[in-house]
N, C-alpha and C. Protein backbone atom coordinates (compact mmCIF):
# COMPACT_ATOMS: atom_id res chain seq x y z
N MET A 1 0.83 -1.18 0.00
CA MET A 1 0.00 0.00 0.00
C MET A 1 0.88 1.25 0.00
N LYS A 2 0.55 2.19 -0.87
CA LYS A 2 1.35 3.40 -1.02
C LYS A 2 1.00 4.40 0.08
N GLU A 3 2.02 4.97 0.71
CA GLU A 3 1.82 5.94 1.77
C GLU A 3 1.57 7.32 1.18
N ASN A 4 0.64 8.07 1.79
CA ASN A 4 0.33 9.43 1.34
C ASN A 4 1.44 10.36 1.83
N THR A 5 2.18 10.92 0.90
CA THR A 5 3.29 11.82 1.25
C THR A 5 2.95 13.28 0.96
N THR A 6 1.70 13.55 0.67
CA THR A 6 1.29 14.91 0.36
C THR A 6 1.23 15.73 1.65
N ALA A 7 1.88 16.88 1.64
CA ALA A 7 1.85 17.75 2.81
C ALA A 7 0.46 18.33 2.97
N PRO A 8 0.00 18.50 4.22
CA PRO A 8 -1.35 19.05 4.44
C PRO A 8 -1.56 20.40 3.77
N GLU A 9 -0.51 21.23 3.69
CA GLU A 9 -0.67 22.55 3.08
C GLU A 9 -0.98 22.48 1.59
N SER A 10 -0.53 21.42 0.94
CA SER A 10 -0.70 21.35 -0.51
C SER A 10 -1.96 20.61 -0.94
N ILE A 11 -2.69 20.05 0.02
CA ILE A 11 -3.91 19.32 -0.33
C ILE A 11 -4.94 20.24 -0.96
N ASN A 12 -5.06 21.43 -0.44
CA ASN A 12 -6.07 22.38 -0.91
C ASN A 12 -5.44 23.36 -1.91
N CYS A 13 -4.59 22.86 -2.78
CA CYS A 13 -3.81 23.74 -3.65
C CYS A 13 -4.67 24.52 -4.65
N SER A 14 -5.87 24.08 -4.93
CA SER A 14 -6.69 24.81 -5.90
C SER A 14 -7.13 26.17 -5.35
N LYS A 15 -7.11 26.34 -4.01
CA LYS A 15 -7.52 27.61 -3.44
C LYS A 15 -6.33 28.51 -3.13
N TYR A 16 -5.13 27.98 -3.16
CA TYR A 16 -3.95 28.77 -2.86
C TYR A 16 -3.25 29.15 -4.14
N ARG A 17 -2.93 30.40 -4.25
CA ARG A 17 -2.16 30.87 -5.40
C ARG A 17 -0.97 31.63 -4.84
N PRO A 18 0.22 31.26 -5.23
CA PRO A 18 1.39 31.97 -4.71
C PRO A 18 1.39 33.42 -5.18
N PRO A 19 2.01 34.30 -4.41
CA PRO A 19 2.07 35.71 -4.83
C PRO A 19 2.73 35.84 -6.20
N LYS A 20 2.21 36.78 -6.99
CA LYS A 20 2.81 37.07 -8.28
C LYS A 20 2.85 38.57 -8.44
N ASP A 21 3.67 39.03 -9.34
CA ASP A 21 3.74 40.45 -9.60
C ASP A 21 2.67 40.84 -10.60
N TYR A 22 1.93 41.90 -10.28
CA TYR A 22 0.86 42.39 -11.16
C TYR A 22 1.36 43.59 -11.95
N THR A 23 0.96 43.64 -13.20
CA THR A 23 1.30 44.78 -14.05
C THR A 23 0.33 45.91 -13.76
N HIS A 24 0.65 47.09 -14.23
CA HIS A 24 -0.27 48.22 -14.06
C HIS A 24 -1.57 47.98 -14.79
N THR A 25 -1.52 47.28 -15.92
CA THR A 25 -2.75 46.95 -16.65
C THR A 25 -3.64 46.03 -15.83
N GLN A 26 -3.05 45.04 -15.19
CA GLN A 26 -3.83 44.14 -14.34
C GLN A 26 -4.43 44.89 -13.14
N GLU A 27 -3.67 45.82 -12.58
CA GLU A 27 -4.18 46.64 -11.47
C GLU A 27 -5.36 47.50 -11.95
N LEU A 28 -5.24 48.05 -13.14
CA LEU A 28 -6.32 48.87 -13.69
C LEU A 28 -7.58 48.02 -13.87
N ILE A 29 -7.43 46.82 -14.41
CA ILE A 29 -8.59 45.92 -14.58
C ILE A 29 -9.28 45.68 -13.25
N ASP A 30 -8.49 45.47 -12.20
CA ASP A 30 -9.06 45.23 -10.87
C ASP A 30 -9.80 46.46 -10.35
N ASN A 31 -9.36 47.65 -10.73
CA ASN A 31 -9.95 48.89 -10.23
C ASN A 31 -11.06 49.46 -11.10
N LEU A 32 -11.22 48.97 -12.33
CA LEU A 32 -12.24 49.52 -13.24
C LEU A 32 -13.65 49.52 -12.67
N PRO A 33 -14.13 48.44 -12.07
CA PRO A 33 -15.50 48.49 -11.54
C PRO A 33 -15.69 49.57 -10.47
N TYR A 34 -14.68 49.81 -9.64
CA TYR A 34 -14.78 50.87 -8.63
C TYR A 34 -14.79 52.24 -9.31
N ILE A 35 -13.95 52.40 -10.32
CA ILE A 35 -13.93 53.66 -11.07
C ILE A 35 -15.27 53.90 -11.74
N PHE A 36 -15.83 52.86 -12.38
CA PHE A 36 -17.15 52.99 -13.01
C PHE A 36 -18.22 53.31 -11.96
N MET A 37 -18.13 52.69 -10.78
CA MET A 37 -19.10 52.98 -9.72
C MET A 37 -19.04 54.47 -9.36
N ALA A 38 -17.84 55.02 -9.24
CA ALA A 38 -17.69 56.43 -8.89
C ALA A 38 -18.26 57.34 -9.98
N ILE A 39 -18.01 56.99 -11.24
CA ILE A 39 -18.50 57.81 -12.36
C ILE A 39 -20.02 57.71 -12.48
N ILE A 40 -20.53 56.49 -12.50
CA ILE A 40 -21.99 56.31 -12.65
C ILE A 40 -22.72 56.88 -11.44
N GLY A 41 -22.18 56.67 -10.25
CA GLY A 41 -22.79 57.23 -9.04
C GLY A 41 -22.86 58.74 -9.10
N SER A 42 -21.82 59.36 -9.62
CA SER A 42 -21.81 60.83 -9.77
C SER A 42 -22.86 61.28 -10.78
N ILE A 43 -22.99 60.54 -11.87
CA ILE A 43 -24.01 60.88 -12.88
C ILE A 43 -25.40 60.77 -12.26
N ILE A 44 -25.63 59.73 -11.47
CA ILE A 44 -26.92 59.56 -10.80
C ILE A 44 -27.20 60.73 -9.87
N GLN A 45 -26.19 61.14 -9.11
CA GLN A 45 -26.37 62.29 -8.21
C GLN A 45 -26.77 63.53 -9.01
N PHE A 46 -26.12 63.73 -10.13
CA PHE A 46 -26.42 64.90 -10.96
C PHE A 46 -27.83 64.83 -11.52
N LEU A 47 -28.21 63.67 -12.06
CA LEU A 47 -29.54 63.52 -12.64
C LEU A 47 -30.65 63.52 -11.59
N ALA A 48 -30.38 62.92 -10.45
CA ALA A 48 -31.41 62.78 -9.42
C ALA A 48 -31.76 64.12 -8.79
N ILE A 49 -30.81 65.00 -8.74
CA ILE A 49 -31.08 66.30 -8.13
C ILE A 49 -31.34 67.30 -9.25
N THR A 50 -32.19 66.87 -10.14
CA THR A 50 -32.79 67.64 -11.24
C THR A 50 -31.86 68.54 -12.05
N LEU A 51 -30.69 68.03 -12.38
CA LEU A 51 -29.77 68.74 -13.27
C LEU A 51 -29.51 70.18 -12.82
N SER A 52 -29.56 70.43 -11.54
CA SER A 52 -29.37 71.78 -11.01
C SER A 52 -27.93 71.96 -10.54
N ILE A 53 -27.63 73.14 -10.04
CA ILE A 53 -26.32 73.39 -9.45
C ILE A 53 -26.12 72.45 -8.25
N TRP A 54 -27.21 72.16 -7.54
CA TRP A 54 -27.11 71.24 -6.39
C TRP A 54 -26.82 69.81 -6.85
N GLY A 55 -27.34 69.46 -8.01
CA GLY A 55 -27.03 68.16 -8.59
C GLY A 55 -25.55 68.07 -8.96
N ALA A 56 -25.03 69.16 -9.52
CA ALA A 56 -23.61 69.20 -9.89
C ALA A 56 -22.74 69.13 -8.64
N ILE A 57 -23.12 69.88 -7.63
CA ILE A 57 -22.37 69.85 -6.37
C ILE A 57 -22.42 68.46 -5.75
N SER A 58 -23.58 67.86 -5.74
CA SER A 58 -23.74 66.50 -5.20
C SER A 58 -22.90 65.49 -5.97
N ALA A 59 -22.87 65.62 -7.29
CA ALA A 59 -22.07 64.72 -8.13
C ALA A 59 -20.59 64.86 -7.82
N VAL A 60 -20.13 66.09 -7.68
CA VAL A 60 -18.71 66.33 -7.38
C VAL A 60 -18.37 65.79 -5.99
N ILE A 61 -19.24 66.03 -5.03
CA ILE A 61 -19.01 65.54 -3.66
C ILE A 61 -18.96 64.01 -3.65
N TYR A 62 -19.87 63.37 -4.36
CA TYR A 62 -19.87 61.90 -4.42
C TYR A 62 -18.57 61.40 -5.04
N PHE A 63 -18.14 62.01 -6.13
CA PHE A 63 -16.91 61.57 -6.80
C PHE A 63 -15.69 61.77 -5.90
N ILE A 64 -15.64 62.91 -5.22
CA ILE A 64 -14.54 63.16 -4.27
C ILE A 64 -14.58 62.13 -3.14
N TYR A 65 -15.78 61.81 -2.66
CA TYR A 65 -15.94 60.80 -1.61
C TYR A 65 -15.39 59.45 -2.08
N ALA A 66 -15.63 59.10 -3.33
CA ALA A 66 -15.10 57.83 -3.87
C ALA A 66 -13.58 57.84 -3.90
N ILE A 67 -12.99 58.95 -4.27
CA ILE A 67 -11.52 59.06 -4.29
C ILE A 67 -10.98 59.02 -2.87
N VAL A 68 -11.59 59.80 -1.99
CA VAL A 68 -11.15 59.82 -0.58
C VAL A 68 -11.33 58.43 0.04
N GLY A 69 -12.41 57.74 -0.32
CA GLY A 69 -12.64 56.39 0.20
C GLY A 69 -11.54 55.42 -0.20
N ALA A 70 -11.09 55.50 -1.44
CA ALA A 70 -9.99 54.64 -1.88
C ALA A 70 -8.72 54.97 -1.11
N PHE A 71 -8.45 56.26 -0.95
CA PHE A 71 -7.25 56.64 -0.19
C PHE A 71 -7.38 56.31 1.30
N TRP A 72 -8.60 56.34 1.82
CA TRP A 72 -8.82 55.94 3.21
C TRP A 72 -8.35 54.49 3.41
N ILE A 73 -8.76 53.62 2.50
CA ILE A 73 -8.35 52.22 2.56
C ILE A 73 -6.83 52.10 2.39
N ILE A 74 -6.28 52.83 1.44
CA ILE A 74 -4.84 52.81 1.20
C ILE A 74 -4.07 53.23 2.46
N ILE A 75 -4.55 54.25 3.13
CA ILE A 75 -3.84 54.80 4.30
C ILE A 75 -4.07 53.98 5.57
N PHE A 76 -5.30 53.51 5.77
CA PHE A 76 -5.63 52.89 7.05
C PHE A 76 -5.70 51.36 7.04
N VAL A 77 -5.67 50.73 5.88
CA VAL A 77 -5.72 49.27 5.81
C VAL A 77 -4.45 48.70 5.18
N CYS A 78 -4.05 49.25 4.07
CA CYS A 78 -2.92 48.69 3.32
C CYS A 78 -1.61 48.58 4.10
N PRO A 79 -1.28 49.51 5.00
CA PRO A 79 -0.02 49.35 5.73
C PRO A 79 0.02 48.08 6.61
N TYR A 80 -1.12 47.47 6.85
CA TYR A 80 -1.20 46.27 7.67
C TYR A 80 -1.16 44.98 6.83
N CYS A 81 -1.14 45.14 5.53
CA CYS A 81 -1.17 43.98 4.62
C CYS A 81 0.23 43.39 4.45
N ASN A 82 0.27 42.08 4.31
CA ASN A 82 1.54 41.39 4.06
C ASN A 82 2.17 41.85 2.75
N TYR A 83 1.38 42.36 1.83
CA TYR A 83 1.88 42.70 0.50
C TYR A 83 2.01 44.19 0.27
N TYR A 84 2.09 44.92 1.37
CA TYR A 84 2.40 46.34 1.37
C TYR A 84 3.73 46.54 0.64
N ASP A 85 3.77 47.52 -0.24
CA ASP A 85 4.96 47.90 -0.99
C ASP A 85 5.51 46.77 -1.86
N THR A 86 4.60 45.94 -2.39
CA THR A 86 5.03 44.91 -3.34
C THR A 86 4.14 44.97 -4.58
N ARG A 87 4.55 44.31 -5.63
CA ARG A 87 3.73 44.20 -6.84
C ARG A 87 2.76 43.03 -6.71
N ALA A 88 2.69 42.39 -5.55
CA ALA A 88 1.80 41.24 -5.36
C ALA A 88 0.37 41.66 -5.01
N CYS A 89 0.13 42.95 -4.85
CA CYS A 89 -1.21 43.46 -4.55
C CYS A 89 -1.97 43.63 -5.86
N PRO A 90 -3.07 42.88 -6.06
CA PRO A 90 -3.80 42.94 -7.33
C PRO A 90 -4.35 44.33 -7.69
N CYS A 91 -4.66 45.14 -6.68
CA CYS A 91 -5.23 46.46 -6.98
C CYS A 91 -4.18 47.56 -7.02
N GLY A 92 -2.94 47.26 -6.58
CA GLY A 92 -1.88 48.25 -6.62
C GLY A 92 -1.87 49.22 -5.46
N TYR A 93 -2.82 49.09 -4.55
CA TYR A 93 -2.90 50.02 -3.42
C TYR A 93 -1.68 49.92 -2.51
N GLY A 94 -1.11 48.74 -2.38
CA GLY A 94 0.03 48.54 -1.48
C GLY A 94 1.23 49.40 -1.82
N GLN A 95 1.44 49.62 -3.11
CA GLN A 95 2.57 50.47 -3.52
C GLN A 95 2.28 51.94 -3.25
N ILE A 96 1.04 52.34 -3.41
CA ILE A 96 0.67 53.73 -3.10
C ILE A 96 0.78 53.95 -1.60
N ALA A 97 0.31 52.99 -0.82
CA ALA A 97 0.38 53.10 0.65
C ALA A 97 1.80 53.29 1.13
N ALA A 98 2.75 52.63 0.49
CA ALA A 98 4.15 52.72 0.89
C ALA A 98 4.70 54.14 0.73
N LYS A 99 4.10 54.92 -0.15
CA LYS A 99 4.53 56.30 -0.35
C LYS A 99 3.89 57.24 0.67
N LEU A 100 2.83 56.76 1.34
CA LEU A 100 2.09 57.62 2.26
C LEU A 100 2.26 57.27 3.74
N ARG A 101 2.48 55.99 4.03
CA ARG A 101 2.58 55.54 5.43
C ARG A 101 3.64 54.46 5.57
N ARG A 102 4.15 54.35 6.78
CA ARG A 102 5.09 53.27 7.08
C ARG A 102 4.34 51.96 7.29
N LYS A 103 5.04 50.87 7.12
CA LYS A 103 4.50 49.52 7.35
C LYS A 103 4.05 49.40 8.80
N SER A 104 2.94 48.68 9.01
CA SER A 104 2.41 48.45 10.36
C SER A 104 2.30 46.96 10.61
N ASP A 105 1.81 46.61 11.78
CA ASP A 105 1.72 45.21 12.22
C ASP A 105 0.76 44.39 11.35
N GLU A 106 1.31 43.43 10.61
CA GLU A 106 0.52 42.59 9.70
C GLU A 106 -0.53 41.77 10.44
N ASN A 107 -0.31 41.49 11.69
CA ASN A 107 -1.27 40.69 12.47
C ASN A 107 -2.57 41.45 12.74
N ARG A 108 -2.58 42.73 12.47
CA ARG A 108 -3.78 43.55 12.71
C ARG A 108 -4.56 43.85 11.43
N PHE A 109 -4.19 43.20 10.31
CA PHE A 109 -4.85 43.45 9.04
C PHE A 109 -6.36 43.24 9.12
N SER A 110 -6.79 42.10 9.62
CA SER A 110 -8.22 41.79 9.70
C SER A 110 -8.97 42.81 10.56
N GLU A 111 -8.39 43.16 11.67
CA GLU A 111 -9.00 44.16 12.57
C GLU A 111 -9.15 45.51 11.87
N LYS A 112 -8.10 45.95 11.19
CA LYS A 112 -8.13 47.25 10.49
C LYS A 112 -9.10 47.21 9.31
N PHE A 113 -9.15 46.10 8.60
CA PHE A 113 -10.07 45.96 7.48
C PHE A 113 -11.51 46.10 7.97
N LYS A 114 -11.86 45.36 9.02
CA LYS A 114 -13.23 45.41 9.56
C LYS A 114 -13.57 46.81 10.06
N LYS A 115 -12.61 47.50 10.64
CA LYS A 115 -12.85 48.82 11.20
C LYS A 115 -13.05 49.88 10.11
N HIS A 116 -12.28 49.79 9.02
CA HIS A 116 -12.26 50.89 8.04
C HIS A 116 -13.10 50.66 6.79
N ILE A 117 -13.47 49.44 6.48
CA ILE A 117 -14.25 49.21 5.26
C ILE A 117 -15.64 49.88 5.33
N PRO A 118 -16.26 50.00 6.53
CA PRO A 118 -17.56 50.69 6.57
C PRO A 118 -17.52 52.14 6.10
N VAL A 119 -16.35 52.74 6.07
CA VAL A 119 -16.22 54.13 5.61
C VAL A 119 -16.65 54.26 4.15
N ILE A 120 -16.41 53.22 3.34
CA ILE A 120 -16.74 53.32 1.92
C ILE A 120 -18.08 52.67 1.55
N VAL A 121 -18.70 51.98 2.47
CA VAL A 121 -19.98 51.30 2.18
C VAL A 121 -21.06 52.26 1.67
N PRO A 122 -21.17 53.49 2.19
CA PRO A 122 -22.20 54.40 1.66
C PRO A 122 -22.08 54.68 0.16
N LEU A 123 -20.91 54.47 -0.42
CA LEU A 123 -20.76 54.66 -1.87
C LEU A 123 -21.68 53.74 -2.66
N TRP A 124 -22.01 52.58 -2.10
CA TRP A 124 -22.90 51.63 -2.77
C TRP A 124 -24.36 52.00 -2.55
N VAL A 125 -24.64 52.79 -1.53
CA VAL A 125 -26.02 53.04 -1.11
C VAL A 125 -26.55 54.40 -1.57
N ILE A 126 -25.74 55.42 -1.49
CA ILE A 126 -26.18 56.79 -1.77
C ILE A 126 -26.84 56.92 -3.15
N PRO A 127 -26.23 56.49 -4.25
CA PRO A 127 -26.87 56.65 -5.56
C PRO A 127 -28.19 55.88 -5.69
N VAL A 128 -28.27 54.72 -5.06
CA VAL A 128 -29.51 53.93 -5.13
C VAL A 128 -30.64 54.69 -4.43
N ILE A 129 -30.33 55.27 -3.28
CA ILE A 129 -31.35 56.01 -2.53
C ILE A 129 -31.75 57.28 -3.28
N THR A 130 -30.78 58.10 -3.66
CA THR A 130 -31.14 59.36 -4.34
C THR A 130 -31.79 59.10 -5.70
N GLY A 131 -31.25 58.12 -6.44
CA GLY A 131 -31.86 57.79 -7.73
C GLY A 131 -33.26 57.22 -7.58
N GLY A 132 -33.44 56.34 -6.60
CA GLY A 132 -34.76 55.75 -6.36
C GLY A 132 -35.79 56.79 -5.95
N ILE A 133 -35.40 57.68 -5.05
CA ILE A 133 -36.33 58.74 -4.61
C ILE A 133 -36.69 59.64 -5.78
N SER A 134 -35.71 60.02 -6.57
CA SER A 134 -35.96 60.89 -7.71
C SER A 134 -36.89 60.21 -8.72
N LEU A 135 -36.65 58.92 -9.00
CA LEU A 135 -37.52 58.19 -9.93
C LEU A 135 -38.94 58.07 -9.39
N TYR A 136 -39.08 57.95 -8.10
CA TYR A 136 -40.41 57.84 -7.48
C TYR A 136 -41.22 59.11 -7.75
N PHE A 137 -40.55 60.26 -7.63
CA PHE A 137 -41.28 61.52 -7.80
C PHE A 137 -41.39 61.98 -9.25
N LYS A 138 -40.41 61.61 -10.08
CA LYS A 138 -40.46 62.00 -11.49
C LYS A 138 -39.65 61.02 -12.31
N PHE A 139 -40.32 60.24 -13.14
CA PHE A 139 -39.65 59.22 -13.93
C PHE A 139 -38.75 59.88 -14.97
N ASN A 140 -37.57 59.27 -15.16
CA ASN A 140 -36.59 59.76 -16.12
C ASN A 140 -35.87 58.54 -16.69
N ASN A 141 -35.98 58.32 -18.01
CA ASN A 141 -35.37 57.15 -18.64
C ASN A 141 -33.86 57.09 -18.45
N LEU A 142 -33.19 58.22 -18.61
CA LEU A 142 -31.73 58.25 -18.46
C LEU A 142 -31.33 57.90 -17.03
N LEU A 143 -32.04 58.46 -16.06
CA LEU A 143 -31.75 58.16 -14.66
C LEU A 143 -31.98 56.67 -14.38
N LEU A 144 -33.07 56.13 -14.90
CA LEU A 144 -33.33 54.70 -14.71
C LEU A 144 -32.21 53.85 -15.32
N THR A 145 -31.77 54.22 -16.51
CA THR A 145 -30.68 53.49 -17.17
C THR A 145 -29.40 53.56 -16.33
N MET A 146 -29.08 54.74 -15.83
CA MET A 146 -27.88 54.91 -15.00
C MET A 146 -28.01 54.13 -13.69
N LEU A 147 -29.19 54.12 -13.12
CA LEU A 147 -29.42 53.39 -11.86
C LEU A 147 -29.25 51.89 -12.09
N ILE A 148 -29.78 51.38 -13.18
CA ILE A 148 -29.61 49.96 -13.51
C ILE A 148 -28.14 49.65 -13.75
N ALA A 149 -27.45 50.52 -14.50
CA ALA A 149 -26.02 50.32 -14.76
C ALA A 149 -25.23 50.34 -13.45
N PHE A 150 -25.60 51.25 -12.55
CA PHE A 150 -24.92 51.33 -11.25
C PHE A 150 -25.12 50.05 -10.45
N ILE A 151 -26.35 49.59 -10.40
CA ILE A 151 -26.66 48.37 -9.63
C ILE A 151 -25.94 47.17 -10.21
N VAL A 152 -25.97 47.02 -11.53
CA VAL A 152 -25.28 45.88 -12.16
C VAL A 152 -23.77 45.96 -11.89
N ASN A 153 -23.20 47.15 -12.09
CA ASN A 153 -21.75 47.30 -11.87
C ASN A 153 -21.38 47.12 -10.40
N SER A 154 -22.07 47.83 -9.51
CA SER A 154 -21.65 47.90 -8.11
C SER A 154 -22.05 46.68 -7.28
N TYR A 155 -23.16 46.06 -7.63
CA TYR A 155 -23.64 44.93 -6.82
C TYR A 155 -23.37 43.58 -7.46
N LEU A 156 -23.03 43.55 -8.76
CA LEU A 156 -22.73 42.28 -9.42
C LEU A 156 -21.28 42.24 -9.94
N ILE A 157 -20.94 43.14 -10.83
CA ILE A 157 -19.63 43.10 -11.47
C ILE A 157 -18.51 43.38 -10.48
N LEU A 158 -18.61 44.46 -9.71
CA LEU A 158 -17.55 44.81 -8.78
C LEU A 158 -17.28 43.68 -7.78
N PRO A 159 -18.29 43.13 -7.12
CA PRO A 159 -18.00 42.02 -6.20
C PRO A 159 -17.44 40.79 -6.91
N LEU A 160 -17.94 40.49 -8.10
CA LEU A 160 -17.41 39.33 -8.83
C LEU A 160 -15.94 39.54 -9.23
N VAL A 161 -15.63 40.71 -9.76
CA VAL A 161 -14.25 40.99 -10.13
C VAL A 161 -13.36 40.95 -8.88
N ALA A 162 -13.86 41.52 -7.79
CA ALA A 162 -13.08 41.52 -6.56
C ALA A 162 -12.84 40.10 -6.06
N ARG A 163 -13.90 39.33 -5.96
CA ARG A 163 -13.75 37.97 -5.41
C ARG A 163 -13.00 37.02 -6.33
N ILE A 164 -13.23 37.12 -7.62
CA ILE A 164 -12.60 36.18 -8.54
C ILE A 164 -11.22 36.66 -8.98
N TYR A 165 -11.10 37.91 -9.32
CA TYR A 165 -9.84 38.41 -9.87
C TYR A 165 -8.95 39.02 -8.79
N GLY A 166 -9.38 40.14 -8.22
CA GLY A 166 -8.54 40.84 -7.24
C GLY A 166 -8.35 40.05 -5.97
N CYS A 167 -9.42 39.88 -5.21
CA CYS A 167 -9.34 39.16 -3.94
C CYS A 167 -9.03 37.69 -4.16
N GLY A 168 -9.54 37.13 -5.23
CA GLY A 168 -9.31 35.72 -5.52
C GLY A 168 -7.84 35.42 -5.74
N HIS A 169 -7.09 36.41 -6.22
CA HIS A 169 -5.66 36.22 -6.45
C HIS A 169 -4.82 36.79 -5.31
N CYS A 170 -5.45 37.45 -4.36
CA CYS A 170 -4.71 38.11 -3.28
C CYS A 170 -4.06 37.08 -2.37
N PRO A 171 -2.76 37.21 -2.16
CA PRO A 171 -2.08 36.27 -1.28
C PRO A 171 -2.51 36.40 0.18
N GLN A 172 -3.16 37.49 0.56
CA GLN A 172 -3.56 37.70 1.95
C GLN A 172 -5.02 37.30 2.19
N LYS A 173 -5.67 36.70 1.22
CA LYS A 173 -7.10 36.44 1.35
C LYS A 173 -7.48 35.56 2.53
N ALA A 174 -6.58 34.72 3.01
CA ALA A 174 -6.89 33.87 4.14
C ALA A 174 -7.13 34.68 5.42
N ASP A 175 -6.55 35.88 5.50
CA ASP A 175 -6.72 36.74 6.68
C ASP A 175 -7.74 37.85 6.45
N CYS A 176 -8.37 37.87 5.31
CA CYS A 176 -9.25 38.98 4.95
C CYS A 176 -10.70 38.68 5.31
N PRO A 177 -11.34 39.56 6.08
CA PRO A 177 -12.75 39.33 6.45
C PRO A 177 -13.68 39.29 5.24
N TRP A 178 -13.33 39.98 4.15
CA TRP A 178 -14.17 39.99 2.93
C TRP A 178 -14.22 38.60 2.31
N MET A 179 -13.12 37.84 2.40
CA MET A 179 -13.04 36.54 1.74
C MET A 179 -13.47 35.38 2.64
N ILE A 180 -13.60 35.63 3.92
CA ILE A 180 -13.91 34.51 4.85
C ILE A 180 -15.36 34.12 4.78
């Protein structure tokens, strides 16, 4: 009878992917759904607030919030990642973080992720609420189209790309609350 010499770590090899270096193109692909969410969400804010100066202000504020939200994660989560300042980060945030903050305790990654990810959650909710309320009071085909595009991108495409491509390839996914 043949003895099993397979190491326990290698049994589940289909779920483990060793770190690899990502190109800027691959990082862009990982970030496109978030970028589209920011753009479409801004368009919804503009359309929902009746194409007024307040709609324009709301759109700009939403877009700035999306940018600040990405940097919030870069500043407050990425320094705790094992792949800080490496090309092994699928979204490229780790290299940006290295220019803004020093490396921090990797054992606190999960804690920091759970604490700071709620800061960006409203980005998924605000356009749906403002667009939905606006459609309730006055139907607009373009707004409806943008709202559907936002929902498909933000609630289907973005999570799928994150889980399958970005997070799915992330070497730190075993410690990440999003992937557990």
